[in-house]
Amino acid sequence: MSLENKVAIVTGGARGIGLAIAERFVSDGARVVIADIDDDAGSDAAERLGDLGPVRFIHCDVGEKLAVRNLLASAVDAFGDIDILVNNAGVVHAGDFLEISEEDFERVLCVNLKGAFLVAQAVARRMVKQIDNGGAPGVIINMSSVNAVFAIANQVPYSVSKGGMNQLTKVMALSLAPHGIRVNGIGPGSIMTDILAAVANDEAARKRILSRTPLGRIGQPSEIAGVAAFLASDDASYMTGQTVYVDGGRLPLNYTVPVRED
């Protein structure tokens, strides 16, 4: 098992991509801490995944420094040294650039970018201490998006936050490389999460998504989890500072493709 006896924290792990990553990690032998603000979903996820291996749910608002400290302390108390962090917690807020409020802009960046910084900094400091005490270097994975590269007009703060996430991944990778800590990102395209499901149920919207997806289908959270498992494993031991885009071919496309009728 590629992650046997590793300890992983997955923020935003109560549902969607985060839940799929938590499930894959525990299936690969890791002990997993799910961090989320949704207590009901987090508790349900931990209970369900507990059949596969050790899983704990810890309530955490990643944008609050004290909450992050409590998360790290609780995770260490539960499982010991931290080997893997997945910065997955994120929110969206749709709004035109001329209309979006300062409060909504700040809220998205607080969770998506500041939250990733706070959790990663706290975990990285812990990882450095572990290395100084003879432990192995850890791994940090930041969840980016194809929206870090192109822009959607009504997703102002989300696009900005993911662009910042790519730069955060690079500077973290350079800063932590002397300690042997690897930092990489994943940039999903259209993935069948709860948010996208509402769009995908609209036939016109589904066709718009597929027209810009050369593989001709919407991705599954488990496909992102597979990439996360690779990046967290020793198979990716010479990778750091990279963002891997898992998008069905969307980013290379500068035209639309025919949509296959099922």
C-alpha atoms as a PDB file:
ATOM      1  CA  MET A   1       0.000   0.000   0.000  1.00  0.00           C
ATOM      2  CA  SER A   2       1.679   3.170  -1.246  1.00  0.00           C
ATOM      3  CA  LEU A   3       0.676   5.365   1.710  1.00  0.00           C
ATOM      4  CA  GLU A   4       0.807   2.752   4.462  1.00  0.00           C
ATOM      5  CA  ASN A   5       1.089   4.302   7.942  1.00  0.00           C
ATOM      6  CA  LYS A   6       1.244   7.837   6.553  1.00  0.00           C
ATOM      7  CA  VAL A   7      -0.813  10.516   8.287  1.00  0.00           C
ATOM      8  CA  ALA A   8      -2.726  12.871   6.000  1.00  0.00           C
ATOM      9  CA  ILE A   9      -4.838  15.971   6.556  1.00  0.00           C
ATOM     10  CA  VAL A  10      -7.410  16.755   3.851  1.00  0.00           C
ATOM     11  CA  THR A  11      -9.112  20.131   4.187  1.00  0.00           C
ATOM     12  CA  GLY A  12     -12.563  20.440   2.693  1.00  0.00           C
ATOM     13  CA  GLY A  13     -12.677  16.664   2.953  1.00  0.00           C
ATOM     14  CA  ALA A  14     -16.334  16.194   3.828  1.00  0.00           C
ATOM     15  CA  ARG A  15     -17.581  15.906   0.253  1.00  0.00           C
ATOM     16  CA  GLY A  16     -16.667  16.125  -3.422  1.00  0.00           C
ATOM     17  CA  ILE A  17     -13.026  15.986  -4.451  1.00  0.00           C
ATOM     18  CA  GLY A  18     -11.799  16.217  -0.862  1.00  0.00           C
ATOM     19  CA  LEU A  19     -13.885  13.225   0.189  1.00  0.00           C
ATOM     20  CA  ALA A  20     -12.660  11.218  -2.809  1.00  0.00           C
ATOM     21  CA  ILE A  21      -9.064  12.009  -1.869  1.00  0.00           C
ATOM     22  CA  ALA A  22      -9.658  11.030   1.752  1.00  0.00           C
ATOM     23  CA  GLU A  23     -11.200   7.743   0.601  1.00  0.00           C
ATOM     24  CA  ARG A  24      -8.315   6.986  -1.754  1.00  0.00           C
ATOM     25  CA  PHE A  25      -5.715   7.810   0.894  1.00  0.00           C
ATOM     26  CA  VAL A  26      -7.252   5.595   3.558  1.00  0.00           C
ATOM     27  CA  SER A  27      -7.664   2.821   0.971  1.00  0.00           C
ATOM     28  CA  ASP A  28      -3.943   3.176   0.257  1.00  0.00           C
ATOM     29  CA  GLY A  29      -3.100   2.675   3.925  1.00  0.00           C
ATOM     30  CA  ALA A  30      -3.005   6.209   5.297  1.00  0.00           C
ATOM     31  CA  ARG A  31      -4.529   7.474   8.516  1.00  0.00           C
ATOM     32  CA  VAL A  32      -6.651  10.439   7.497  1.00  0.00           C
ATOM     33  CA  VAL A  33      -7.902  13.594   9.181  1.00  0.00           C
ATOM     34  CA  ILE A  34     -10.867  15.191   7.420  1.00  0.00           C
ATOM     35  CA  ALA A  35     -11.052  18.925   8.150  1.00  0.00           C
ATOM     36  CA  ASP A  36     -14.214  20.815   7.234  1.00  0.00           C
ATOM     37  CA  ILE A  37     -16.748  23.333   8.559  1.00  0.00           C
ATOM     38  CA  ASP A  38     -19.688  21.024   7.797  1.00  0.00           C
ATOM     39  CA  ASP A  39     -19.975  18.971  10.960  1.00  0.00           C
ATOM     40  CA  ASP A  40     -22.735  16.670   9.736  1.00  0.00           C
ATOM     41  CA  ALA A  41     -21.072  15.845   6.419  1.00  0.00           C
ATOM     42  CA  GLY A  42     -17.662  15.528   8.050  1.00  0.00           C
ATOM     43  CA  SER A  43     -18.884  13.177  10.744  1.00  0.00           C
ATOM     44  CA  ASP A  44     -20.769  11.085   8.202  1.00  0.00           C
ATOM     45  CA  ALA A  45     -17.695  10.879   5.973  1.00  0.00           C
ATOM     46  CA  ALA A  46     -15.444   9.816   8.842  1.00  0.00           C
ATOM     47  CA  GLU A  47     -17.924   7.163   9.927  1.00  0.00           C
ATOM     48  CA  ARG A  48     -18.280   5.749   6.419  1.00  0.00           C
ATOM     49  CA  LEU A  49     -14.562   5.759   5.636  1.00  0.00           C
ATOM     50  CA  GLY A  50     -13.799   4.320   9.056  1.00  0.00           C
ATOM     51  CA  ASP A  51     -14.670   0.916   7.637  1.00  0.00           C
ATOM     52  CA  LEU A  52     -11.572   1.236   5.428  1.00  0.00           C
ATOM     53  CA  GLY A  53      -9.126   2.445   8.063  1.00  0.00           C
ATOM     54  CA  PRO A  54      -8.411   5.079  10.722  1.00  0.00           C
ATOM     55  CA  VAL A  55     -10.230   8.363   9.963  1.00  0.00           C
ATOM     56  CA  ARG A  56     -11.015  11.367  12.154  1.00  0.00           C
ATOM     57  CA  PHE A  57     -13.156  14.420  11.495  1.00  0.00           C
ATOM     58  CA  ILE A  58     -12.033  17.759  12.942  1.00  0.00           C
ATOM     59  CA  HIS A  59     -14.060  20.934  12.543  1.00  0.00           C
ATOM     60  CA  CYS A  60     -11.891  23.686  11.087  1.00  0.00           C
ATOM     61  CA  ASP A  61     -12.408  27.040   9.392  1.00  0.00           C
ATOM     62  CA  VAL A  62      -9.135  27.240   7.470  1.00  0.00           C
ATOM     63  CA  GLY A  63      -9.303  31.028   7.243  1.00  0.00           C
ATOM     64  CA  GLU A  64      -8.971  31.337  11.040  1.00  0.00           C
ATOM     65  CA  LYS A  65      -5.439  30.984  12.436  1.00  0.00           C
ATOM     66  CA  LEU A  66      -6.565  29.681  15.834  1.00  0.00           C
ATOM     67  CA  ALA A  67      -8.770  27.057  14.183  1.00  0.00           C
ATOM     68  CA  VAL A  68      -5.791  25.936  12.101  1.00  0.00           C
ATOM     69  CA  ARG A  69      -3.650  25.605  15.240  1.00  0.00           C
ATOM     70  CA  ASN A  70      -6.366  23.511  16.850  1.00  0.00           C
ATOM     71  CA  LEU A  71      -6.613  21.354  13.720  1.00  0.00           C
ATOM     72  CA  LEU A  72      -2.909  20.601  13.743  1.00  0.00           C
ATOM     73  CA  ALA A  73      -2.838  19.881  17.467  1.00  0.00           C
ATOM     74  CA  SER A  74      -5.844  17.578  17.230  1.00  0.00           C
ATOM     75  CA  ALA A  75      -4.404  15.744  14.235  1.00  0.00           C
ATOM     76  CA  VAL A  76      -1.094  15.174  16.014  1.00  0.00           C
ATOM     77  CA  ASP A  77      -2.901  13.995  19.139  1.00  0.00           C
ATOM     78  CA  ALA A  78      -4.936  11.546  17.069  1.00  0.00           C
ATOM     79  CA  PHE A  79      -2.261  10.077  14.805  1.00  0.00           C
ATOM     80  CA  GLY A  80       1.175  11.564  15.493  1.00  0.00           C
ATOM     81  CA  ASP A  81       3.483  13.127  12.918  1.00  0.00           C
ATOM     82  CA  ILE A  82       1.913  14.659   9.801  1.00  0.00           C
ATOM     83  CA  ASP A  83       3.188  13.284   6.494  1.00  0.00           C
ATOM     84  CA  ILE A  84       0.725  14.689   3.926  1.00  0.00           C
ATOM     85  CA  LEU A  85      -1.420  17.798   3.616  1.00  0.00           C
ATOM     86  CA  VAL A  86      -4.016  18.331   0.909  1.00  0.00           C
ATOM     87  CA  ASN A  87      -5.169  21.959   0.768  1.00  0.00           C
ATOM     88  CA  ASN A  88      -8.568  21.364  -0.812  1.00  0.00           C
ATOM     89  CA  ALA A  89     -10.986  23.625   1.095  1.00  0.00           C
ATOM     90  CA  GLY A  90     -12.595  26.144  -1.250  1.00  0.00           C
ATOM     91  CA  VAL A  91     -15.694  28.198  -1.934  1.00  0.00           C
ATOM     92  CA  VAL A  92     -17.078  30.028  -4.964  1.00  0.00           C
ATOM     93  CA  HIS A  93     -19.145  33.158  -5.398  1.00  0.00           C
ATOM     94  CA  ALA A  94     -20.525  34.111  -8.782  1.00  0.00           C
ATOM     95  CA  GLY A  95     -20.746  37.774  -9.659  1.00  0.00           C
ATOM     96  CA  ASP A  96     -19.818  40.218 -12.377  1.00  0.00           C
ATOM     97  CA  PHE A  97     -16.672  42.277 -11.779  1.00  0.00           C
ATOM     98  CA  LEU A  98     -18.674  45.513 -11.630  1.00  0.00           C
ATOM     99  CA  GLU A  99     -21.143  44.115  -9.105  1.00  0.00           C
ATOM    100  CA  ILE A 100     -19.312  41.756  -6.726  1.00  0.00           C
ATOM    101  CA  SER A 101     -18.984  43.059  -3.183  1.00  0.00           C
ATOM    102  CA  GLU A 102     -15.808  43.534  -1.215  1.00  0.00           C
ATOM    103  CA  GLU A 103     -17.138  41.146   1.424  1.00  0.00           C
ATOM    104  CA  ASP A 104     -17.722  38.334  -1.072  1.00  0.00           C
ATOM    105  CA  PHE A 105     -14.326  38.878  -2.682  1.00  0.00           C
ATOM    106  CA  GLU A 106     -12.620  38.724   0.714  1.00  0.00           C
ATOM    107  CA  ARG A 107     -14.582  35.637   1.810  1.00  0.00           C
ATOM    108  CA  VAL A 108     -13.491  33.576  -1.199  1.00  0.00           C
ATOM    109  CA  LEU A 109      -9.849  34.618  -0.920  1.00  0.00           C
ATOM    110  CA  CYS A 110      -9.910  34.031   2.835  1.00  0.00           C
ATOM    111  CA  VAL A 111     -10.866  30.383   2.387  1.00  0.00           C
ATOM    112  CA  ASN A 112      -9.229  29.515  -0.925  1.00  0.00           C
ATOM    113  CA  LEU A 113      -5.898  31.331  -0.641  1.00  0.00           C
ATOM    114  CA  LYS A 114      -5.336  32.638   2.884  1.00  0.00           C
ATOM    115  CA  GLY A 115      -6.663  29.356   4.271  1.00  0.00           C
ATOM    116  CA  ALA A 116      -4.262  27.349   2.132  1.00  0.00           C
ATOM    117  CA  PHE A 117      -1.390  29.562   3.308  1.00  0.00           C
ATOM    118  CA  LEU A 118      -2.298  29.261   6.993  1.00  0.00           C
ATOM    119  CA  VAL A 119      -2.715  25.483   6.965  1.00  0.00           C
ATOM    120  CA  ALA A 120       0.356  24.868   4.818  1.00  0.00           C
ATOM    121  CA  GLN A 121       2.550  27.118   6.944  1.00  0.00           C
ATOM    122  CA  ALA A 122       1.445  25.438  10.167  1.00  0.00           C
ATOM    123  CA  VAL A 123       1.884  21.946   8.755  1.00  0.00           C
ATOM    124  CA  ALA A 124       5.220  22.780   7.095  1.00  0.00           C
ATOM    125  CA  ARG A 125       6.605  24.101  10.377  1.00  0.00           C
ATOM    126  CA  ARG A 126       5.569  20.839  12.008  1.00  0.00           C
ATOM    127  CA  MET A 127       7.136  18.829   9.177  1.00  0.00           C
ATOM    128  CA  VAL A 128      10.453  20.682   9.556  1.00  0.00           C
ATOM    129  CA  LYS A 129      10.528  19.872  13.281  1.00  0.00           C
ATOM    130  CA  GLN A 130       9.781  16.243  12.474  1.00  0.00           C
ATOM    131  CA  ILE A 131      12.707  16.162  10.030  1.00  0.00           C
ATOM    132  CA  ASP A 132      15.004  17.727  12.637  1.00  0.00           C
ATOM    133  CA  ASN A 133      13.997  14.879  14.957  1.00  0.00           C
ATOM    134  CA  GLY A 134      14.855  12.251  12.370  1.00  0.00           C
ATOM    135  CA  GLY A 135      11.529  11.996  10.551  1.00  0.00           C
ATOM    136  CA  ALA A 136      11.000  11.728   6.799  1.00  0.00           C
ATOM    137  CA  PRO A 137      10.139  14.794   4.682  1.00  0.00           C
ATOM    138  CA  GLY A 138       6.460  15.359   4.049  1.00  0.00           C
ATOM    139  CA  VAL A 139       4.311  16.257   1.061  1.00  0.00           C
ATOM    140  CA  ILE A 140       1.899  19.151   0.481  1.00  0.00           C
ATOM    141  CA  ILE A 141      -0.678  19.177  -2.327  1.00  0.00           C
ATOM    142  CA  ASN A 142      -2.565  22.360  -3.205  1.00  0.00           C
ATOM    143  CA  MET A 143      -5.867  22.174  -5.082  1.00  0.00           C
ATOM    144  CA  SER A 144      -5.791  24.646  -7.953  1.00  0.00           C
ATOM    145  CA  SER A 145      -8.050  24.733 -11.024  1.00  0.00           C
ATOM    146  CA  VAL A 146      -8.018  25.332 -14.753  1.00  0.00           C
ATOM    147  CA  ASN A 147      -9.447  28.705 -13.689  1.00  0.00           C
ATOM    148  CA  ALA A 148      -5.951  29.608 -12.549  1.00  0.00           C
ATOM    149  CA  VAL A 149      -4.965  29.790 -16.214  1.00  0.00           C
ATOM    150  CA  PHE A 150      -8.057  31.104 -17.989  1.00  0.00           C
ATOM    151  CA  ALA A 151     -10.714  33.384 -16.551  1.00  0.00           C
ATOM    152  CA  ILE A 152     -14.487  33.194 -16.214  1.00  0.00           C
ATOM    153  CA  ALA A 153     -16.031  36.662 -16.069  1.00  0.00           C
ATOM    154  CA  ASN A 154     -18.539  35.889 -13.324  1.00  0.00           C
ATOM    155  CA  GLN A 155     -16.048  33.973 -11.143  1.00  0.00           C
ATOM    156  CA  VAL A 156     -13.827  36.877 -10.168  1.00  0.00           C
ATOM    157  CA  PRO A 157     -12.526  35.937  -6.698  1.00  0.00           C
ATOM    158  CA  TYR A 158     -12.376  32.209  -7.474  1.00  0.00           C
ATOM    159  CA  SER A 159     -10.219  32.745 -10.563  1.00  0.00           C
ATOM    160  CA  VAL A 160      -7.975  35.160  -8.663  1.00  0.00           C
ATOM    161  CA  SER A 161      -7.635  32.757  -5.730  1.00  0.00           C
ATOM    162  CA  LYS A 162      -6.614  29.852  -7.946  1.00  0.00           C
ATOM    163  CA  GLY A 163      -4.071  31.969  -9.811  1.00  0.00           C
ATOM    164  CA  GLY A 164      -2.638  32.825  -6.419  1.00  0.00           C
ATOM    165  CA  MET A 165      -2.667  29.157  -5.442  1.00  0.00           C
ATOM    166  CA  ASN A 166      -0.363  28.343  -8.354  1.00  0.00           C
ATOM    167  CA  GLN A 167       2.128  30.961  -7.201  1.00  0.00           C
ATOM    168  CA  LEU A 168       1.784  29.789  -3.594  1.00  0.00           C
ATOM    169  CA  THR A 169       2.652  26.278  -4.758  1.00  0.00           C
ATOM    170  CA  LYS A 170       5.801  27.526  -6.490  1.00  0.00           C
ATOM    171  CA  VAL A 171       7.097  29.680  -3.640  1.00  0.00           C
ATOM    172  CA  MET A 172       6.336  26.971  -1.086  1.00  0.00           C
ATOM    173  CA  ALA A 173       8.152  24.395  -3.203  1.00  0.00           C
ATOM    174  CA  LEU A 174      11.257  26.575  -3.448  1.00  0.00           C
ATOM    175  CA  SER A 175      11.219  27.502   0.232  1.00  0.00           C
ATOM    176  CA  LEU A 176      10.704  23.956   1.479  1.00  0.00           C
ATOM    177  CA  ALA A 177      12.947  22.100  -0.993  1.00  0.00           C
ATOM    178  CA  PRO A 178      16.039  22.434   1.261  1.00  0.00           C
ATOM    179  CA  HIS A 179      14.106  20.417   3.851  1.00  0.00           C
ATOM    180  CA  GLY A 180      13.101  17.775   1.302  1.00  0.00           C
ATOM    181  CA  ILE A 181       9.406  18.703   1.580  1.00  0.00           C
ATOM    182  CA  ARG A 182       7.677  18.455  -1.802  1.00  0.00           C
ATOM    183  CA  VAL A 183       4.853  20.813  -2.821  1.00  0.00           C
ATOM    184  CA  ASN A 184       2.718  20.272  -5.919  1.00  0.00           C
ATOM    185  CA  GLY A 185      -0.706  21.309  -7.146  1.00  0.00           C
ATOM    186  CA  ILE A 186      -3.614  19.740  -8.987  1.00  0.00           C
ATOM    187  CA  GLY A 187      -5.728  21.762 -11.423  1.00  0.00           C
ATOM    188  CA  PRO A 188      -9.060  20.014 -12.051  1.00  0.00           C
ATOM    189  CA  GLY A 189     -11.246  20.801 -15.018  1.00  0.00           C
ATOM    190  CA  SER A 190     -14.961  19.958 -15.036  1.00  0.00           C
ATOM    191  CA  ILE A 191     -15.427  17.367 -12.286  1.00  0.00           C
ATOM    192  CA  MET A 192     -18.775  15.888 -11.214  1.00  0.00           C
ATOM    193  CA  THR A 193     -19.102  17.431  -7.769  1.00  0.00           C
ATOM    194  CA  ASP A 194     -22.285  18.691  -6.124  1.00  0.00           C
ATOM    195  CA  ILE A 195     -21.658  22.159  -7.546  1.00  0.00           C
ATOM    196  CA  LEU A 196     -21.235  20.948 -11.106  1.00  0.00           C
ATOM    197  CA  ALA A 197     -24.078  18.425 -10.898  1.00  0.00           C
ATOM    198  CA  ALA A 198     -26.648  21.223 -10.866  1.00  0.00           C
ATOM    199  CA  VAL A 199     -25.115  22.657 -14.039  1.00  0.00           C
ATOM    200  CA  ALA A 200     -24.668  19.299 -15.734  1.00  0.00           C
ATOM    201  CA  ASN A 201     -28.355  18.513 -15.303  1.00  0.00           C
ATOM    202  CA  ASP A 202     -29.109  21.410 -17.650  1.00  0.00           C
ATOM    203  CA  GLU A 203     -28.711  20.011 -21.174  1.00  0.00           C
ATOM    204  CA  ALA A 204     -27.502  23.273 -22.708  1.00  0.00           C
ATOM    205  CA  ALA A 205     -24.973  23.782 -19.924  1.00  0.00           C
ATOM    206  CA  ARG A 206     -23.779  20.186 -20.210  1.00  0.00           C
ATOM    207  CA  LYS A 207     -23.182  20.618 -23.925  1.00  0.00           C
ATOM    208  CA  ARG A 208     -21.198  23.794 -23.304  1.00  0.00           C
ATOM    209  CA  ILE A 209     -18.964  21.897 -20.891  1.00  0.00           C
ATOM    210  CA  LEU A 210     -18.471  18.978 -23.263  1.00  0.00           C
ATOM    211  CA  SER A 211     -17.830  21.247 -26.251  1.00  0.00           C
ATOM    212  CA  ARG A 212     -14.633  22.430 -24.571  1.00  0.00           C
ATOM    213  CA  THR A 213     -13.600  18.983 -23.277  1.00  0.00           C
ATOM    214  CA  PRO A 214     -11.784  16.884 -25.909  1.00  0.00           C
ATOM    215  CA  LEU A 215     -12.225  13.631 -23.976  1.00  0.00           C
ATOM    216  CA  GLY A 216     -15.959  14.174 -24.282  1.00  0.00           C
ATOM    217  CA  ARG A 217     -17.045  13.579 -20.704  1.00  0.00           C
ATOM    218  CA  ILE A 218     -17.102  15.147 -17.263  1.00  0.00           C
ATOM    219  CA  GLY A 219     -14.431  13.884 -14.890  1.00  0.00           C
ATOM    220  CA  GLN A 220     -15.023  12.046 -11.631  1.00  0.00           C
ATOM    221  CA  PRO A 221     -13.656  13.017  -8.195  1.00  0.00           C
ATOM    222  CA  SER A 222     -11.908   9.649  -8.011  1.00  0.00           C
ATOM    223  CA  GLU A 223      -9.791  10.670 -11.007  1.00  0.00           C
ATOM    224  CA  ILE A 224      -8.473  13.665  -9.090  1.00  0.00           C
ATOM    225  CA  ALA A 225      -7.917  11.431  -6.066  1.00  0.00           C
ATOM    226  CA  GLY A 226      -5.748   9.127  -8.161  1.00  0.00           C
ATOM    227  CA  VAL A 227      -3.448  12.004  -9.086  1.00  0.00           C
ATOM    228  CA  ALA A 228      -3.320  13.133  -5.449  1.00  0.00           C
ATOM    229  CA  ALA A 229      -2.339   9.608  -4.392  1.00  0.00           C
ATOM    230  CA  PHE A 230       0.484   9.641  -6.946  1.00  0.00           C
ATOM    231  CA  LEU A 231       1.782  13.048  -5.834  1.00  0.00           C
ATOM    232  CA  ALA A 232       1.654  11.962  -2.186  1.00  0.00           C
ATOM    233  CA  SER A 233       3.581   8.761  -2.881  1.00  0.00           C
ATOM    234  CA  ASP A 234       7.274   8.077  -3.389  1.00  0.00           C
ATOM    235  CA  ASP A 235       6.536   7.559  -7.093  1.00  0.00           C
ATOM    236  CA  ALA A 236       6.546  11.377  -7.345  1.00  0.00           C
ATOM    237  CA  SER A 237       9.710  11.774  -5.283  1.00  0.00           C
ATOM    238  CA  TYR A 238      11.427  14.063  -7.854  1.00  0.00           C
ATOM    239  CA  MET A 239       8.422  16.317  -8.464  1.00  0.00           C
ATOM    240  CA  THR A 240       8.000  19.640  -6.727  1.00  0.00           C
ATOM    241  CA  GLY A 241       6.668  23.067  -7.689  1.00  0.00           C
ATOM    242  CA  GLN A 242       4.402  21.643 -10.396  1.00  0.00           C
ATOM    243  CA  THR A 243       0.671  21.945 -11.008  1.00  0.00           C
ATOM    244  CA  VAL A 244      -0.816  18.953 -12.812  1.00  0.00           C
ATOM    245  CA  TYR A 245      -3.949  19.748 -14.821  1.00  0.00           C
ATOM    246  CA  VAL A 246      -6.572  17.009 -14.903  1.00  0.00           C
ATOM    247  CA  ASP A 247      -9.062  18.502 -17.327  1.00  0.00           C
ATOM    248  CA  GLY A 248      -9.914  16.095 -20.144  1.00  0.00           C
ATOM    249  CA  GLY A 249      -7.757  18.125 -22.529  1.00  0.00           C
ATOM    250  CA  ARG A 250      -9.440  21.460 -21.938  1.00  0.00           C
ATOM    251  CA  LEU A 251      -6.418  23.711 -21.502  1.00  0.00           C
ATOM    252  CA  PRO A 252      -4.719  22.863 -24.817  1.00  0.00           C
ATOM    253  CA  LEU A 253      -7.978  23.493 -26.715  1.00  0.00           C
ATOM    254  CA  ASN A 254      -8.428  26.782 -28.610  1.00  0.00           C
ATOM    255  CA  TYR A 255     -11.659  25.787 -30.348  1.00  0.00           C
ATOM    256  CA  THR A 256     -14.740  23.714 -29.531  1.00  0.00           C
ATOM    257  CA  VAL A 257     -15.262  20.034 -30.253  1.00  0.00           C
ATOM    258  CA  PRO A 258     -18.415  18.219 -31.400  1.00  0.00           C
ATOM    259  CA  VAL A 259     -20.529  16.867 -28.563  1.00  0.00           C
ATOM    260  CA  ARG A 260     -21.324  13.183 -28.851  1.00  0.00           C
ATOM    261  CA  GLU A 261     -24.988  12.374 -28.394  1.00  0.00           C
ATOM    262  CA  ASP A 262     -25.555   9.496 -25.973  1.00  0.00           C
END
